[in-house]
Amino acid sequence: MGGDIDVSLDCAGFSKTMSTALEATRAGGKFLRAGKIDVKPLITHRFGFSQAEVEEAFEVSARGRDAIKVMFNL
């Protein structure tokens, strides 16, 4: 710890990301480490991979009103 950041958060859990976050955190700062996040509940839309479906997915994503996470089924 010796950086300028007051609070750092590592959600990846890899040794490199944790050490980078720790290095960036100031002395006396807080380092928060979280486990894996289940993103499945965040997936609001699923699309195939045809040209039309990809275009629709980007349109839905750009509107952003009801899209949290758009997923392509390959």
PDB file of N, CA and C in Angstrom:
ATOM      1  N   MET A   1       0.850  -1.170   0.000  1.00  0.00           N
ATOM      2  CA  MET A   1       0.000   0.000   0.000  1.00  0.00           C
ATOM      3  C   MET A   1       0.899   1.238   0.000  1.00  0.00           C
ATOM      4  N   GLY A   2       0.658   2.084  -0.934  1.00  0.00           N
ATOM      5  CA  GLY A   2       1.481   3.269  -1.034  1.00  0.00           C
ATOM      6  C   GLY A   2       1.023   4.211  -2.119  1.00  0.00           C
ATOM      7  N   GLY A   3      -0.124   3.916  -2.705  1.00  0.00           N
ATOM      8  CA  GLY A   3      -0.659   4.771  -3.761  1.00  0.00           C
ATOM      9  C   GLY A   3      -1.480   5.909  -3.186  1.00  0.00           C
ATOM     10  N   ASP A   4      -2.323   6.477  -4.018  1.00  0.00           N
ATOM     11  CA  ASP A   4      -3.141   7.625  -3.619  1.00  0.00           C
ATOM     12  C   ASP A   4      -4.628   7.304  -3.478  1.00  0.00           C
ATOM     13  N   ILE A   5      -5.004   6.071  -3.720  1.00  0.00           N
ATOM     14  CA  ILE A   5      -6.414   5.686  -3.723  1.00  0.00           C
ATOM     15  C   ILE A   5      -6.898   5.436  -2.293  1.00  0.00           C
ATOM     16  N   ASP A   6      -8.054   6.000  -1.948  1.00  0.00           N
ATOM     17  CA  ASP A   6      -8.624   5.798  -0.608  1.00  0.00           C
ATOM     18  C   ASP A   6      -9.231   4.410  -0.454  1.00  0.00           C
ATOM     19  N   VAL A   7      -9.984   3.985  -1.468  1.00  0.00           N
ATOM     20  CA  VAL A   7     -10.652   2.688  -1.423  1.00  0.00           C
ATOM     21  C   VAL A   7     -10.466   2.000  -2.764  1.00  0.00           C
ATOM     22  N   SER A   8      -9.986   0.769  -2.743  1.00  0.00           N
ATOM     23  CA  SER A   8      -9.878  -0.007  -3.983  1.00  0.00           C
ATOM     24  C   SER A   8     -10.696  -1.282  -3.824  1.00  0.00           C
ATOM     25  N   LEU A   9     -11.195  -1.765  -4.939  1.00  0.00           N
ATOM     26  CA  LEU A   9     -12.061  -2.935  -4.951  1.00  0.00           C
ATOM     27  C   LEU A   9     -11.590  -3.884  -6.034  1.00  0.00           C
ATOM     28  N   ASP A  10     -11.343  -5.126  -5.657  1.00  0.00           N
ATOM     29  CA  ASP A  10     -10.965  -6.140  -6.641  1.00  0.00           C
ATOM     30  C   ASP A  10     -12.077  -7.172  -6.721  1.00  0.00           C
ATOM     31  N   CYS A  11     -12.646  -7.304  -7.910  1.00  0.00           N
ATOM     32  CA  CYS A  11     -13.720  -8.281  -8.120  1.00  0.00           C
ATOM     33  C   CYS A  11     -13.255  -9.482  -8.921  1.00  0.00           C
ATOM     34  N   ALA A  12     -12.050  -9.410  -9.491  1.00  0.00           N
ATOM     35  CA  ALA A  12     -11.567 -10.489 -10.348  1.00  0.00           C
ATOM     36  C   ALA A  12     -10.987 -11.637  -9.531  1.00  0.00           C
ATOM     37  N   GLY A  13     -10.279 -11.305  -8.462  1.00  0.00           N
ATOM     38  CA  GLY A  13      -9.733 -12.339  -7.601  1.00  0.00           C
ATOM     39  C   GLY A  13      -8.443 -12.963  -8.083  1.00  0.00           C
ATOM     40  N   PHE A  14      -7.809 -12.385  -9.082  1.00  0.00           N
ATOM     41  CA  PHE A  14      -6.523 -12.894  -9.551  1.00  0.00           C
ATOM     42  C   PHE A  14      -5.410 -12.237  -8.751  1.00  0.00           C
ATOM     43  N   SER A  15      -4.303 -12.941  -8.566  1.00  0.00           N
ATOM     44  CA  SER A  15      -3.220 -12.383  -7.761  1.00  0.00           C
ATOM     45  C   SER A  15      -2.710 -11.063  -8.333  1.00  0.00           C
ATOM     46  N   LYS A  16      -2.628 -10.937  -9.642  1.00  0.00           N
ATOM     47  CA  LYS A  16      -2.134  -9.700 -10.258  1.00  0.00           C
ATOM     48  C   LYS A  16      -3.089  -8.533 -10.007  1.00  0.00           C
ATOM     49  N   THR A  17      -4.385  -8.762 -10.130  1.00  0.00           N
ATOM     50  CA  THR A  17      -5.331  -7.663  -9.907  1.00  0.00           C
ATOM     51  C   THR A  17      -5.366  -7.263  -8.438  1.00  0.00           C
ATOM     52  N   MET A  18      -5.223  -8.238  -7.551  1.00  0.00           N
ATOM     53  CA  MET A  18      -5.202  -7.911  -6.124  1.00  0.00           C
ATOM     54  C   MET A  18      -3.951  -7.124  -5.762  1.00  0.00           C
ATOM     55  N   SER A  19      -2.795  -7.553  -6.273  1.00  0.00           N
ATOM     56  CA  SER A  19      -1.562  -6.825  -5.949  1.00  0.00           C
ATOM     57  C   SER A  19      -1.580  -5.422  -6.541  1.00  0.00           C
ATOM     58  N   THR A  20      -2.137  -5.261  -7.737  1.00  0.00           N
ATOM     59  CA  THR A  20      -2.245  -3.929  -8.346  1.00  0.00           C
ATOM     60  C   THR A  20      -3.145  -3.030  -7.505  1.00  0.00           C
ATOM     61  N   ALA A  21      -4.269  -3.559  -7.056  1.00  0.00           N
ATOM     62  CA  ALA A  21      -5.185  -2.781  -6.220  1.00  0.00           C
ATOM     63  C   ALA A  21      -4.528  -2.399  -4.898  1.00  0.00           C
ATOM     64  N   LEU A  22      -3.802  -3.328  -4.307  1.00  0.00           N
ATOM     65  CA  LEU A  22      -3.111  -3.031  -3.052  1.00  0.00           C
ATOM     66  C   LEU A  22      -2.048  -1.961  -3.242  1.00  0.00           C
ATOM     67  N   GLU A  23      -1.292  -2.052  -4.325  1.00  0.00           N
ATOM     68  CA  GLU A  23      -0.251  -1.060  -4.606  1.00  0.00           C
ATOM     69  C   GLU A  23      -0.851   0.328  -4.822  1.00  0.00           C
ATOM     70  N   ALA A  24      -2.041   0.390  -5.377  1.00  0.00           N
ATOM     71  CA  ALA A  24      -2.680   1.672  -5.678  1.00  0.00           C
ATOM     72  C   ALA A  24      -3.324   2.308  -4.451  1.00  0.00           C
ATOM     73  N   THR A  25      -3.553   1.517  -3.415  1.00  0.00           N
ATOM     74  CA  THR A  25      -4.247   2.004  -2.226  1.00  0.00           C
ATOM     75  C   THR A  25      -3.280   2.709  -1.280  1.00  0.00           C
ATOM     76  N   ARG A  26      -3.700   3.860  -0.772  1.00  0.00           N
ATOM     77  CA  ARG A  26      -2.847   4.639   0.138  1.00  0.00           C
ATOM     78  C   ARG A  26      -2.724   3.925   1.482  1.00  0.00           C
ATOM     79  N   ALA A  27      -1.684   4.274   2.229  1.00  0.00           N
ATOM     80  CA  ALA A  27      -1.522   3.755   3.587  1.00  0.00           C
ATOM     81  C   ALA A  27      -2.732   4.193   4.406  1.00  0.00           C
ATOM     82  N   GLY A  28      -3.344   3.271   5.090  1.00  0.00           N
ATOM     83  CA  GLY A  28      -4.543   3.568   5.862  1.00  0.00           C
ATOM     84  C   GLY A  28      -5.823   3.496   5.045  1.00  0.00           C
ATOM     85  N   GLY A  29      -5.680   3.241   3.739  1.00  0.00           N
ATOM     86  CA  GLY A  29      -6.847   3.119   2.875  1.00  0.00           C
ATOM     87  C   GLY A  29      -7.511   1.766   3.041  1.00  0.00           C
ATOM     88  N   LYS A  30      -8.559   1.546   2.305  1.00  0.00           N
ATOM     89  CA  LYS A  30      -9.298   0.288   2.398  1.00  0.00           C
ATOM     90  C   LYS A  30      -9.192  -0.486   1.098  1.00  0.00           C
ATOM     91  N   PHE A  31      -8.963  -1.779   1.231  1.00  0.00           N
ATOM     92  CA  PHE A  31      -8.918  -2.690   0.093  1.00  0.00           C
ATOM     93  C   PHE A  31     -10.053  -3.683   0.267  1.00  0.00           C
ATOM     94  N   LEU A  32     -10.957  -3.731  -0.703  1.00  0.00           N
ATOM     95  CA  LEU A  32     -12.093  -4.640  -0.644  1.00  0.00           C
ATOM     96  C   LEU A  32     -11.921  -5.711  -1.705  1.00  0.00           C
ATOM     97  N   ARG A  33     -12.110  -6.935  -1.298  1.00  0.00           N
ATOM     98  CA  ARG A  33     -11.989  -8.044  -2.236  1.00  0.00           C
ATOM     99  C   ARG A  33     -13.310  -8.793  -2.247  1.00  0.00           C
ATOM    100  N   ALA A  34     -13.837  -9.006  -3.421  1.00  0.00           N
ATOM    101  CA  ALA A  34     -15.106  -9.712  -3.555  1.00  0.00           C
ATOM    102  C   ALA A  34     -14.886 -11.007  -4.321  1.00  0.00           C
ATOM    103  N   GLY A  35     -15.740 -11.951  -4.079  1.00  0.00           N
ATOM    104  CA  GLY A  35     -15.674 -13.198  -4.821  1.00  0.00           C
ATOM    105  C   GLY A  35     -16.315 -13.042  -6.184  1.00  0.00           C
ATOM    106  N   LYS A  36     -16.530 -14.157  -6.833  1.00  0.00           N
ATOM    107  CA  LYS A  36     -17.173 -14.117  -8.146  1.00  0.00           C
ATOM    108  C   LYS A  36     -18.575 -13.534  -8.025  1.00  0.00           C
ATOM    109  N   ILE A  37     -18.927 -12.771  -9.023  1.00  0.00           N
ATOM    110  CA  ILE A  37     -20.270 -12.208  -9.070  1.00  0.00           C
ATOM    111  C   ILE A  37     -21.093 -13.025 -10.058  1.00  0.00           C
ATOM    112  N   ASP A  38     -22.256 -13.471  -9.637  1.00  0.00           N
ATOM    113  CA  ASP A  38     -23.146 -14.215 -10.527  1.00  0.00           C
ATOM    114  C   ASP A  38     -23.867 -13.215 -11.428  1.00  0.00           C
ATOM    115  N   VAL A  39     -23.466 -13.161 -12.698  1.00  0.00           N
ATOM    116  CA  VAL A  39     -24.046 -12.183 -13.620  1.00  0.00           C
ATOM    117  C   VAL A  39     -25.326 -12.685 -14.288  1.00  0.00           C
ATOM    118  N   LYS A  40     -25.666 -13.938 -14.101  1.00  0.00           N
ATOM    119  CA  LYS A  40     -26.854 -14.483 -14.765  1.00  0.00           C
ATOM    120  C   LYS A  40     -28.127 -13.682 -14.484  1.00  0.00           C
ATOM    121  N   PRO A  41     -28.362 -13.244 -13.249  1.00  0.00           N
ATOM    122  CA  PRO A  41     -29.577 -12.448 -13.011  1.00  0.00           C
ATOM    123  C   PRO A  41     -29.558 -11.089 -13.713  1.00  0.00           C
ATOM    124  N   LEU A  42     -28.391 -10.641 -14.144  1.00  0.00           N
ATOM    125  CA  LEU A  42     -28.282  -9.345 -14.814  1.00  0.00           C
ATOM    126  C   LEU A  42     -28.573  -9.423 -16.307  1.00  0.00           C
ATOM    127  N   ILE A  43     -28.594 -10.640 -16.869  1.00  0.00           N
ATOM    128  CA  ILE A  43     -28.837 -10.804 -18.302  1.00  0.00           C
ATOM    129  C   ILE A  43     -30.314 -10.541 -18.575  1.00  0.00           C
ATOM    130  N   THR A  44     -30.577  -9.455 -19.284  1.00  0.00           N
ATOM    131  CA  THR A  44     -31.958  -9.068 -19.557  1.00  0.00           C
ATOM    132  C   THR A  44     -32.409  -9.446 -20.958  1.00  0.00           C
ATOM    133  N   HIS A  45     -31.471  -9.655 -21.867  1.00  0.00           N
ATOM    134  CA  HIS A  45     -31.803  -9.970 -23.257  1.00  0.00           C
ATOM    135  C   HIS A  45     -30.815 -10.999 -23.800  1.00  0.00           C
ATOM    136  N   ARG A  46     -31.334 -11.930 -24.590  1.00  0.00           N
ATOM    137  CA  ARG A  46     -30.496 -12.934 -25.261  1.00  0.00           C
ATOM    138  C   ARG A  46     -30.806 -12.897 -26.750  1.00  0.00           C
ATOM    139  N   PHE A  47     -29.763 -12.982 -27.550  1.00  0.00           N
ATOM    140  CA  PHE A  47     -29.913 -12.931 -29.000  1.00  0.00           C
ATOM    141  C   PHE A  47     -29.064 -14.009 -29.645  1.00  0.00           C
ATOM    142  N   GLY A  48     -29.496 -14.432 -30.827  1.00  0.00           N
ATOM    143  CA  GLY A  48     -28.692 -15.313 -31.650  1.00  0.00           C
ATOM    144  C   GLY A  48     -27.586 -14.507 -32.313  1.00  0.00           C
ATOM    145  N   PHE A  49     -26.921 -15.122 -33.271  1.00  0.00           N
ATOM    146  CA  PHE A  49     -25.771 -14.451 -33.870  1.00  0.00           C
ATOM    147  C   PHE A  49     -25.963 -14.165 -35.352  1.00  0.00           C
ATOM    148  N   SER A  50     -27.212 -14.127 -35.810  1.00  0.00           N
ATOM    149  CA  SER A  50     -27.452 -13.747 -37.206  1.00  0.00           C
ATOM    150  C   SER A  50     -27.263 -12.238 -37.335  1.00  0.00           C
ATOM    151  N   GLN A  51     -27.113 -11.756 -38.549  1.00  0.00           N
ATOM    152  CA  GLN A  51     -26.917 -10.319 -38.781  1.00  0.00           C
ATOM    153  C   GLN A  51     -28.062  -9.499 -38.184  1.00  0.00           C
ATOM    154  N   ALA A  52     -29.294  -9.951 -38.423  1.00  0.00           N
ATOM    155  CA  ALA A  52     -30.468  -9.224 -37.922  1.00  0.00           C
ATOM    156  C   ALA A  52     -30.503  -9.201 -36.395  1.00  0.00           C
ATOM    157  N   GLU A  53     -30.173 -10.336 -35.773  1.00  0.00           N
ATOM    158  CA  GLU A  53     -30.199 -10.402 -34.309  1.00  0.00           C
ATOM    159  C   GLU A  53     -29.094  -9.555 -33.680  1.00  0.00           C
ATOM    160  N   VAL A  54     -27.935  -9.536 -34.307  1.00  0.00           N
ATOM    161  CA  VAL A  54     -26.834  -8.704 -33.806  1.00  0.00           C
ATOM    162  C   VAL A  54     -27.223  -7.230 -33.883  1.00  0.00           C
ATOM    163  N   GLU A  55     -27.819  -6.830 -34.997  1.00  0.00           N
ATOM    164  CA  GLU A  55     -28.261  -5.439 -35.139  1.00  0.00           C
ATOM    165  C   GLU A  55     -29.314  -5.090 -34.088  1.00  0.00           C
ATOM    166  N   GLU A  56     -30.253  -6.007 -33.873  1.00  0.00           N
ATOM    167  CA  GLU A  56     -31.286  -5.770 -32.866  1.00  0.00           C
ATOM    168  C   GLU A  56     -30.671  -5.664 -31.466  1.00  0.00           C
ATOM    169  N   ALA A  57     -29.700  -6.516 -31.180  1.00  0.00           N
ATOM    170  CA  ALA A  57     -29.039  -6.483 -29.873  1.00  0.00           C
ATOM    171  C   ALA A  57     -28.359  -5.143 -29.630  1.00  0.00           C
ATOM    172  N   PHE A  58     -27.698  -4.620 -30.653  1.00  0.00           N
ATOM    173  CA  PHE A  58     -27.037  -3.329 -30.499  1.00  0.00           C
ATOM    174  C   PHE A  58     -28.051  -2.198 -30.333  1.00  0.00           C
ATOM    175  N   GLU A  59     -29.177  -2.309 -31.020  1.00  0.00           N
ATOM    176  CA  GLU A  59     -30.227  -1.296 -30.869  1.00  0.00           C
ATOM    177  C   GLU A  59     -30.799  -1.316 -29.452  1.00  0.00           C
ATOM    178  N   VAL A  60     -31.071  -2.507 -28.945  1.00  0.00           N
ATOM    179  CA  VAL A  60     -31.597  -2.650 -27.584  1.00  0.00           C
ATOM    180  C   VAL A  60     -30.588  -2.108 -26.577  1.00  0.00           C
ATOM    181  N   SER A  61     -29.343  -2.459 -26.775  1.00  0.00           N
ATOM    182  CA  SER A  61     -28.293  -2.006 -25.868  1.00  0.00           C
ATOM    183  C   SER A  61     -28.128  -0.491 -25.905  1.00  0.00           C
ATOM    184  N   ALA A  62     -28.220   0.094 -27.091  1.00  0.00           N
ATOM    185  CA  ALA A  62     -28.056   1.547 -27.242  1.00  0.00           C
ATOM    186  C   ALA A  62     -29.202   2.308 -26.582  1.00  0.00           C
ATOM    187  N   ARG A  63     -30.410   1.745 -26.638  1.00  0.00           N
ATOM    188  CA  ARG A  63     -31.553   2.400 -25.984  1.00  0.00           C
ATOM    189  C   ARG A  63     -31.330   2.457 -24.482  1.00  0.00           C
ATOM    190  N   GLY A  64     -30.835   1.353 -23.941  1.00  0.00           N
ATOM    191  CA  GLY A  64     -30.443   1.300 -22.546  1.00  0.00           C
ATOM    192  C   GLY A  64     -31.535   1.370 -21.504  1.00  0.00           C
ATOM    193  N   ARG A  65     -32.747   1.593 -21.896  1.00  0.00           N
ATOM    194  CA  ARG A  65     -33.821   1.753 -20.904  1.00  0.00           C
ATOM    195  C   ARG A  65     -34.060   0.489 -20.090  1.00  0.00           C
ATOM    196  N   ASP A  66     -34.174  -0.622 -20.756  1.00  0.00           N
ATOM    197  CA  ASP A  66     -34.491  -1.858 -20.052  1.00  0.00           C
ATOM    198  C   ASP A  66     -33.422  -2.929 -20.240  1.00  0.00           C
ATOM    199  N   ALA A  67     -32.291  -2.554 -20.790  1.00  0.00           N
ATOM    200  CA  ALA A  67     -31.213  -3.510 -21.027  1.00  0.00           C
ATOM    201  C   ALA A  67     -30.112  -3.313 -19.995  1.00  0.00           C
ATOM    202  N   ILE A  68     -29.869  -4.334 -19.218  1.00  0.00           N
ATOM    203  CA  ILE A  68     -28.748  -4.296 -18.282  1.00  0.00           C
ATOM    204  C   ILE A  68     -27.567  -5.014 -18.917  1.00  0.00           C
ATOM    205  N   LYS A  69     -27.799  -6.255 -19.337  1.00  0.00           N
ATOM    206  CA  LYS A  69     -26.737  -7.047 -19.954  1.00  0.00           C
ATOM    207  C   LYS A  69     -27.340  -7.805 -21.127  1.00  0.00           C
ATOM    208  N   VAL A  70     -26.744  -7.620 -22.287  1.00  0.00           N
ATOM    209  CA  VAL A  70     -27.189  -8.290 -23.508  1.00  0.00           C
ATOM    210  C   VAL A  70     -26.221  -9.427 -23.794  1.00  0.00           C
ATOM    211  N   MET A  71     -26.755 -10.597 -24.101  1.00  0.00           N
ATOM    212  CA  MET A  71     -25.919 -11.776 -24.323  1.00  0.00           C
ATOM    213  C   MET A  71     -26.208 -12.374 -25.692  1.00  0.00           C
ATOM    214  N   PHE A  72     -25.150 -12.850 -26.348  1.00  0.00           N
ATOM    215  CA  PHE A  72     -25.288 -13.550 -27.623  1.00  0.00           C
ATOM    216  C   PHE A  72     -25.154 -15.042 -27.386  1.00  0.00           C
ATOM    217  N   ASN A  73     -26.089 -15.812 -27.926  1.00  0.00           N
ATOM    218  CA  ASN A  73     -26.008 -17.268 -27.882  1.00  0.00           C
ATOM    219  C   ASN A  73     -25.307 -17.728 -29.147  1.00  0.00           C
ATOM    220  N   LEU A  74     -24.138 -18.287 -28.995  1.00  0.00           N
ATOM    221  CA  LEU A  74     -23.373 -18.751 -30.163  1.00  0.00           C
ATOM    222  C   LEU A  74     -23.610 -20.208 -30.422  1.00  0.00           C
TER     223      LEU A  74
END
